[in-house]
Amino acid sequence: MARRITVIPKAPFGRILMKAGAKRVSADAIDTFTEILTEMTEKIAVQAARISKHAGRKTIHEGDVRLAAKQ
């Protein structure tokens, strides 16, 4: 199986699953969790950029990210 390159390291995702109560986590589960959360964060980032642009700013602020996550 070919390795996929991710923007965010996979180890923290494994730790999140372990902290949530899993005793063991498979590599496939970490890959899937990483893929899903990366897709979600990319959507939030795009929406936050749209919000800041709509407000006439080039900088994304904390409120932009929070608002984008709620939508």
PDB file of N, CA and C in Angstrom:
ATOM      1  N   MET A   1       0.841  -1.175   0.000  1.00  0.00           N
ATOM      2  CA  MET A   1       0.000   0.000   0.000  1.00  0.00           C
ATOM      3  C   MET A   1       0.885   1.236   0.000  1.00  0.00           C
ATOM      4  N   ALA A   2       0.615   2.154  -0.894  1.00  0.00           N
ATOM      5  CA  ALA A   2       1.408   3.368  -1.012  1.00  0.00           C
ATOM      6  C   ALA A   2       1.105   4.326   0.137  1.00  0.00           C
ATOM      7  N   ARG A   3       2.118   5.015   0.585  1.00  0.00           N
ATOM      8  CA  ARG A   3       1.941   5.991   1.670  1.00  0.00           C
ATOM      9  C   ARG A   3       1.368   7.275   1.107  1.00  0.00           C
ATOM     10  N   ARG A   4       0.374   7.808   1.814  1.00  0.00           N
ATOM     11  CA  ARG A   4      -0.200   9.092   1.428  1.00  0.00           C
ATOM     12  C   ARG A   4       0.479  10.191   2.212  1.00  0.00           C
ATOM     13  N   ILE A   5       0.755  11.282   1.555  1.00  0.00           N
ATOM     14  CA  ILE A   5       1.385  12.418   2.223  1.00  0.00           C
ATOM     15  C   ILE A   5       0.270  13.325   2.746  1.00  0.00           C
ATOM     16  N   THR A   6       0.347  13.666   4.032  1.00  0.00           N
ATOM     17  CA  THR A   6      -0.653  14.535   4.637  1.00  0.00           C
ATOM     18  C   THR A   6       0.009  15.819   5.119  1.00  0.00           C
ATOM     19  N   VAL A   7      -0.797  16.845   5.245  1.00  0.00           N
ATOM     20  CA  VAL A   7      -0.302  18.135   5.715  1.00  0.00           C
ATOM     21  C   VAL A   7      -0.035  18.065   7.220  1.00  0.00           C
ATOM     22  N   ILE A   8      -0.923  17.377   7.925  1.00  0.00           N
ATOM     23  CA  ILE A   8      -0.820  17.237   9.378  1.00  0.00           C
ATOM     24  C   ILE A   8      -0.303  15.834   9.687  1.00  0.00           C
ATOM     25  N   PRO A   9       0.676  15.704  10.585  1.00  0.00           N
ATOM     26  CA  PRO A   9       1.186  14.375  10.925  1.00  0.00           C
ATOM     27  C   PRO A   9       0.083  13.464  11.484  1.00  0.00           C
ATOM     28  N   LYS A  10       0.207  12.176  11.235  1.00  0.00           N
ATOM     29  CA  LYS A  10      -0.815  11.217  11.648  1.00  0.00           C
ATOM     30  C   LYS A  10      -0.758  10.878  13.136  1.00  0.00           C
ATOM     31  N   ALA A  11       0.405  10.980  13.750  1.00  0.00           N
ATOM     32  CA  ALA A  11       0.551  10.602  15.154  1.00  0.00           C
ATOM     33  C   ALA A  11      -0.421  11.335  16.082  1.00  0.00           C
ATOM     34  N   PRO A  12      -0.602  12.645  15.924  1.00  0.00           N
ATOM     35  CA  PRO A  12      -1.556  13.328  16.802  1.00  0.00           C
ATOM     36  C   PRO A  12      -2.987  12.792  16.662  1.00  0.00           C
ATOM     37  N   PHE A  13      -3.361  12.362  15.453  1.00  0.00           N
ATOM     38  CA  PHE A  13      -4.694  11.802  15.262  1.00  0.00           C
ATOM     39  C   PHE A  13      -4.837  10.476  16.018  1.00  0.00           C
ATOM     40  N   GLY A  14      -3.779   9.694  16.016  1.00  0.00           N
ATOM     41  CA  GLY A  14      -3.785   8.453  16.793  1.00  0.00           C
ATOM     42  C   GLY A  14      -3.916   8.738  18.278  1.00  0.00           C
ATOM     43  N   ARG A  15      -3.224   9.775  18.743  1.00  0.00           N
ATOM     44  CA  ARG A  15      -3.317  10.143  20.164  1.00  0.00           C
ATOM     45  C   ARG A  15      -4.717  10.621  20.520  1.00  0.00           C
ATOM     46  N   ILE A  16      -5.361  11.338  19.600  1.00  0.00           N
ATOM     47  CA  ILE A  16      -6.731  11.794  19.848  1.00  0.00           C
ATOM     48  C   ILE A  16      -7.655  10.591  20.034  1.00  0.00           C
ATOM     49  N   LEU A  17      -7.518   9.602  19.166  1.00  0.00           N
ATOM     50  CA  LEU A  17      -8.349   8.398  19.277  1.00  0.00           C
ATOM     51  C   LEU A  17      -8.063   7.641  20.573  1.00  0.00           C
ATOM     52  N   MET A  18      -6.793   7.580  20.960  1.00  0.00           N
ATOM     53  CA  MET A  18      -6.430   6.899  22.209  1.00  0.00           C
ATOM     54  C   MET A  18      -6.976   7.667  23.418  1.00  0.00           C
ATOM     55  N   LYS A  19      -6.897   8.974  23.362  1.00  0.00           N
ATOM     56  CA  LYS A  19      -7.395   9.802  24.459  1.00  0.00           C
ATOM     57  C   LYS A  19      -8.914   9.686  24.587  1.00  0.00           C
ATOM     58  N   ALA A  20      -9.575   9.390  23.454  1.00  0.00           N
ATOM     59  CA  ALA A  20     -11.029   9.226  23.452  1.00  0.00           C
ATOM     60  C   ALA A  20     -11.450   7.897  24.072  1.00  0.00           C
ATOM     61  N   GLY A  21     -10.475   7.036  24.349  1.00  0.00           N
ATOM     62  CA  GLY A  21     -10.803   5.799  25.048  1.00  0.00           C
ATOM     63  C   GLY A  21     -10.410   4.523  24.347  1.00  0.00           C
ATOM     64  N   ALA A  22      -9.859   4.595  23.154  1.00  0.00           N
ATOM     65  CA  ALA A  22      -9.454   3.387  22.441  1.00  0.00           C
ATOM     66  C   ALA A  22      -8.199   2.803  23.079  1.00  0.00           C
ATOM     67  N   LYS A  23      -8.171   1.492  23.241  1.00  0.00           N
ATOM     68  CA  LYS A  23      -6.973   0.844  23.782  1.00  0.00           C
ATOM     69  C   LYS A  23      -5.940   0.636  22.687  1.00  0.00           C
ATOM     70  N   ARG A  24      -6.439   0.332  21.491  1.00  0.00           N
ATOM     71  CA  ARG A  24      -5.559   0.166  20.335  1.00  0.00           C
ATOM     72  C   ARG A  24      -6.238   0.796  19.124  1.00  0.00           C
ATOM     73  N   VAL A  25      -5.425   1.310  18.203  1.00  0.00           N
ATOM     74  CA  VAL A  25      -5.959   1.946  16.999  1.00  0.00           C
ATOM     75  C   VAL A  25      -5.174   1.419  15.802  1.00  0.00           C
ATOM     76  N   SER A  26      -5.894   0.938  14.793  1.00  0.00           N
ATOM     77  CA  SER A  26      -5.224   0.411  13.606  1.00  0.00           C
ATOM     78  C   SER A  26      -4.722   1.550  12.725  1.00  0.00           C
ATOM     79  N   ALA A  27      -3.764   1.238  11.891  1.00  0.00           N
ATOM     80  CA  ALA A  27      -3.215   2.227  10.968  1.00  0.00           C
ATOM     81  C   ALA A  27      -4.286   2.699   9.983  1.00  0.00           C
ATOM     82  N   ASP A  28      -5.159   1.773   9.567  1.00  0.00           N
ATOM     83  CA  ASP A  28      -6.242   2.152   8.653  1.00  0.00           C
ATOM     84  C   ASP A  28      -7.210   3.130   9.316  1.00  0.00           C
ATOM     85  N   ALA A  29      -7.479   2.925  10.595  1.00  0.00           N
ATOM     86  CA  ALA A  29      -8.371   3.835  11.318  1.00  0.00           C
ATOM     87  C   ALA A  29      -7.752   5.220  11.418  1.00  0.00           C
ATOM     88  N   ILE A  30      -6.468   5.282  11.683  1.00  0.00           N
ATOM     89  CA  ILE A  30      -5.779   6.577  11.754  1.00  0.00           C
ATOM     90  C   ILE A  30      -5.801   7.258  10.394  1.00  0.00           C
ATOM     91  N   ASP A  31      -5.560   6.488   9.322  1.00  0.00           N
ATOM     92  CA  ASP A  31      -5.597   7.055   7.966  1.00  0.00           C
ATOM     93  C   ASP A  31      -6.966   7.639   7.651  1.00  0.00           C
ATOM     94  N   THR A  32      -8.014   6.895   7.968  1.00  0.00           N
ATOM     95  CA  THR A  32      -9.374   7.352   7.683  1.00  0.00           C
ATOM     96  C   THR A  32      -9.721   8.574   8.517  1.00  0.00           C
ATOM     97  N   PHE A  33      -9.393   8.537   9.798  1.00  0.00           N
ATOM     98  CA  PHE A  33      -9.653   9.664  10.697  1.00  0.00           C
ATOM     99  C   PHE A  33      -8.917  10.905  10.201  1.00  0.00           C
ATOM    100  N   THR A  34      -7.670  10.743   9.800  1.00  0.00           N
ATOM    101  CA  THR A  34      -6.868  11.847   9.274  1.00  0.00           C
ATOM    102  C   THR A  34      -7.508  12.433   8.019  1.00  0.00           C
ATOM    103  N   GLU A  35      -7.924  11.557   7.115  1.00  0.00           N
ATOM    104  CA  GLU A  35      -8.532  11.994   5.855  1.00  0.00           C
ATOM    105  C   GLU A  35      -9.820  12.782   6.098  1.00  0.00           C
ATOM    106  N   ILE A  36     -10.681  12.275   6.971  1.00  0.00           N
ATOM    107  CA  ILE A  36     -11.964  12.929   7.250  1.00  0.00           C
ATOM    108  C   ILE A  36     -11.750  14.285   7.913  1.00  0.00           C
ATOM    109  N   LEU A  37     -10.899  14.332   8.924  1.00  0.00           N
ATOM    110  CA  LEU A  37     -10.673  15.602   9.626  1.00  0.00           C
ATOM    111  C   LEU A  37      -9.958  16.620   8.736  1.00  0.00           C
ATOM    112  N   THR A  38      -9.081  16.160   7.867  1.00  0.00           N
ATOM    113  CA  THR A  38      -8.411  17.074   6.944  1.00  0.00           C
ATOM    114  C   THR A  38      -9.424  17.698   5.991  1.00  0.00           C
ATOM    115  N   GLU A  39     -10.351  16.889   5.479  1.00  0.00           N
ATOM    116  CA  GLU A  39     -11.397  17.419   4.603  1.00  0.00           C
ATOM    117  C   GLU A  39     -12.246  18.460   5.331  1.00  0.00           C
ATOM    118  N   MET A  40     -12.601  18.158   6.581  1.00  0.00           N
ATOM    119  CA  MET A  40     -13.420  19.088   7.361  1.00  0.00           C
ATOM    120  C   MET A  40     -12.675  20.399   7.605  1.00  0.00           C
ATOM    121  N   THR A  41     -11.405  20.312   7.968  1.00  0.00           N
ATOM    122  CA  THR A  41     -10.643  21.533   8.260  1.00  0.00           C
ATOM    123  C   THR A  41     -10.418  22.363   7.005  1.00  0.00           C
ATOM    124  N   GLU A  42     -10.256  21.704   5.856  1.00  0.00           N
ATOM    125  CA  GLU A  42     -10.102  22.452   4.611  1.00  0.00           C
ATOM    126  C   GLU A  42     -11.373  23.227   4.284  1.00  0.00           C
ATOM    127  N   LYS A  43     -12.535  22.624   4.513  1.00  0.00           N
ATOM    128  CA  LYS A  43     -13.807  23.306   4.268  1.00  0.00           C
ATOM    129  C   LYS A  43     -13.957  24.509   5.202  1.00  0.00           C
ATOM    130  N   ILE A  44     -13.584  24.345   6.460  1.00  0.00           N
ATOM    131  CA  ILE A  44     -13.658  25.445   7.428  1.00  0.00           C
ATOM    132  C   ILE A  44     -12.703  26.561   7.015  1.00  0.00           C
ATOM    133  N   ALA A  45     -11.508  26.213   6.564  1.00  0.00           N
ATOM    134  CA  ALA A  45     -10.528  27.214   6.158  1.00  0.00           C
ATOM    135  C   ALA A  45     -11.025  28.028   4.962  1.00  0.00           C
ATOM    136  N   VAL A  46     -11.612  27.346   3.991  1.00  0.00           N
ATOM    137  CA  VAL A  46     -12.139  28.045   2.810  1.00  0.00           C
ATOM    138  C   VAL A  46     -13.256  28.992   3.218  1.00  0.00           C
ATOM    139  N   GLN A  47     -14.156  28.522   4.084  1.00  0.00           N
ATOM    140  CA  GLN A  47     -15.272  29.356   4.533  1.00  0.00           C
ATOM    141  C   GLN A  47     -14.762  30.554   5.348  1.00  0.00           C
ATOM    142  N   ALA A  48     -13.762  30.329   6.197  1.00  0.00           N
ATOM    143  CA  ALA A  48     -13.189  31.426   6.992  1.00  0.00           C
ATOM    144  C   ALA A  48     -12.556  32.475   6.072  1.00  0.00           C
ATOM    145  N   ALA A  49     -11.914  32.028   5.009  1.00  0.00           N
ATOM    146  CA  ALA A  49     -11.323  32.961   4.047  1.00  0.00           C
ATOM    147  C   ALA A  49     -12.410  33.780   3.352  1.00  0.00           C
ATOM    148  N   ARG A  50     -13.523  33.134   3.011  1.00  0.00           N
ATOM    149  CA  ARG A  50     -14.642  33.858   2.397  1.00  0.00           C
ATOM    150  C   ARG A  50     -15.217  34.901   3.352  1.00  0.00           C
ATOM    151  N   ILE A  51     -15.340  34.542   4.618  1.00  0.00           N
ATOM    152  CA  ILE A  51     -15.891  35.462   5.621  1.00  0.00           C
ATOM    153  C   ILE A  51     -14.992  36.682   5.762  1.00  0.00           C
ATOM    154  N   SER A  52     -13.677  36.463   5.861  1.00  0.00           N
ATOM    155  CA  SER A  52     -12.763  37.594   6.020  1.00  0.00           C
ATOM    156  C   SER A  52     -12.755  38.473   4.764  1.00  0.00           C
ATOM    157  N   LYS A  53     -12.836  37.854   3.596  1.00  0.00           N
ATOM    158  CA  LYS A  53     -12.871  38.628   2.351  1.00  0.00           C
ATOM    159  C   LYS A  53     -14.154  39.445   2.277  1.00  0.00           C
ATOM    160  N   HIS A  54     -15.270  38.851   2.693  1.00  0.00           N
ATOM    161  CA  HIS A  54     -16.542  39.568   2.698  1.00  0.00           C
ATOM    162  C   HIS A  54     -16.489  40.782   3.628  1.00  0.00           C
ATOM    163  N   ALA A  55     -15.741  40.645   4.718  1.00  0.00           N
ATOM    164  CA  ALA A  55     -15.601  41.744   5.673  1.00  0.00           C
ATOM    165  C   ALA A  55     -14.576  42.781   5.201  1.00  0.00           C
ATOM    166  N   GLY A  56     -13.980  42.541   4.037  1.00  0.00           N
ATOM    167  CA  GLY A  56     -13.021  43.496   3.503  1.00  0.00           C
ATOM    168  C   GLY A  56     -11.630  43.367   4.089  1.00  0.00           C
ATOM    169  N   ARG A  57     -11.315  42.189   4.605  1.00  0.00           N
ATOM    170  CA  ARG A  57     -10.000  41.972   5.211  1.00  0.00           C
ATOM    171  C   ARG A  57      -9.228  40.913   4.442  1.00  0.00           C
ATOM    172  N   LYS A  58      -7.905  40.982   4.568  1.00  0.00           N
ATOM    173  CA  LYS A  58      -7.047  39.947   4.005  1.00  0.00           C
ATOM    174  C   LYS A  58      -6.654  38.936   5.076  1.00  0.00           C
ATOM    175  N   THR A  59      -6.789  39.334   6.333  1.00  0.00           N
ATOM    176  CA  THR A  59      -6.409  38.498   7.461  1.00  0.00           C
ATOM    177  C   THR A  59      -7.610  37.751   8.005  1.00  0.00           C
ATOM    178  N   ILE A  60      -7.442  36.447   8.227  1.00  0.00           N
ATOM    179  CA  ILE A  60      -8.492  35.645   8.850  1.00  0.00           C
ATOM    180  C   ILE A  60      -8.340  35.775  10.358  1.00  0.00           C
ATOM    181  N   HIS A  61      -9.412  36.160  11.036  1.00  0.00           N
ATOM    182  CA  HIS A  61      -9.405  36.310  12.489  1.00  0.00           C
ATOM    183  C   HIS A  61     -10.043  35.107  13.161  1.00  0.00           C
ATOM    184  N   GLU A  62      -9.867  35.042  14.460  1.00  0.00           N
ATOM    185  CA  GLU A  62     -10.423  33.945  15.260  1.00  0.00           C
ATOM    186  C   GLU A  62     -11.931  33.821  15.050  1.00  0.00           C
ATOM    187  N   GLY A  63     -12.623  34.942  15.062  1.00  0.00           N
ATOM    188  CA  GLY A  63     -14.069  34.938  14.888  1.00  0.00           C
ATOM    189  C   GLY A  63     -14.498  34.375  13.543  1.00  0.00           C
ATOM    190  N   ASP A  64     -13.686  34.599  12.524  1.00  0.00           N
ATOM    191  CA  ASP A  64     -13.968  34.055  11.196  1.00  0.00           C
ATOM    192  C   ASP A  64     -13.937  32.518  11.228  1.00  0.00           C
ATOM    193  N   VAL A  65     -12.942  31.990  11.896  1.00  0.00           N
ATOM    194  CA  VAL A  65     -12.805  30.534  11.996  1.00  0.00           C
ATOM    195  C   VAL A  65     -13.954  29.948  12.806  1.00  0.00           C
ATOM    196  N   ARG A  66     -14.288  30.602  13.930  1.00  0.00           N
ATOM    197  CA  ARG A  66     -15.389  30.098  14.762  1.00  0.00           C
ATOM    198  C   ARG A  66     -16.725  30.134  14.004  1.00  0.00           C
ATOM    199  N   LEU A  67     -16.968  31.213  13.280  1.00  0.00           N
ATOM    200  CA  LEU A  67     -18.187  31.335  12.505  1.00  0.00           C
ATOM    201  C   LEU A  67     -18.230  30.286  11.388  1.00  0.00           C
ATOM    202  N   ALA A  68     -17.114  30.072  10.732  1.00  0.00           N
ATOM    203  CA  ALA A  68     -17.040  29.087   9.660  1.00  0.00           C
ATOM    204  C   ALA A  68     -17.277  27.672  10.203  1.00  0.00           C
ATOM    205  N   ALA A  69     -16.789  27.397  11.400  1.00  0.00           N
ATOM    206  CA  ALA A  69     -16.973  26.069  11.990  1.00  0.00           C
ATOM    207  C   ALA A  69     -18.429  25.821  12.364  1.00  0.00           C
ATOM    208  N   LYS A  70     -19.155  26.878  12.714  1.00  0.00           N
ATOM    209  CA  LYS A  70     -20.564  26.736  13.088  1.00  0.00           C
ATOM    210  C   LYS A  70     -21.444  26.460  11.878  1.00  0.00           C
ATOM    211  N   GLN A  71     -21.026  26.933  10.712  1.00  0.00           N
ATOM    212  CA  GLN A  71     -21.858  26.811   9.514  1.00  0.00           C
ATOM    213  C   GLN A  71     -21.834  25.427   8.933  1.00  0.00           C
TER     214      GLN A  71
END
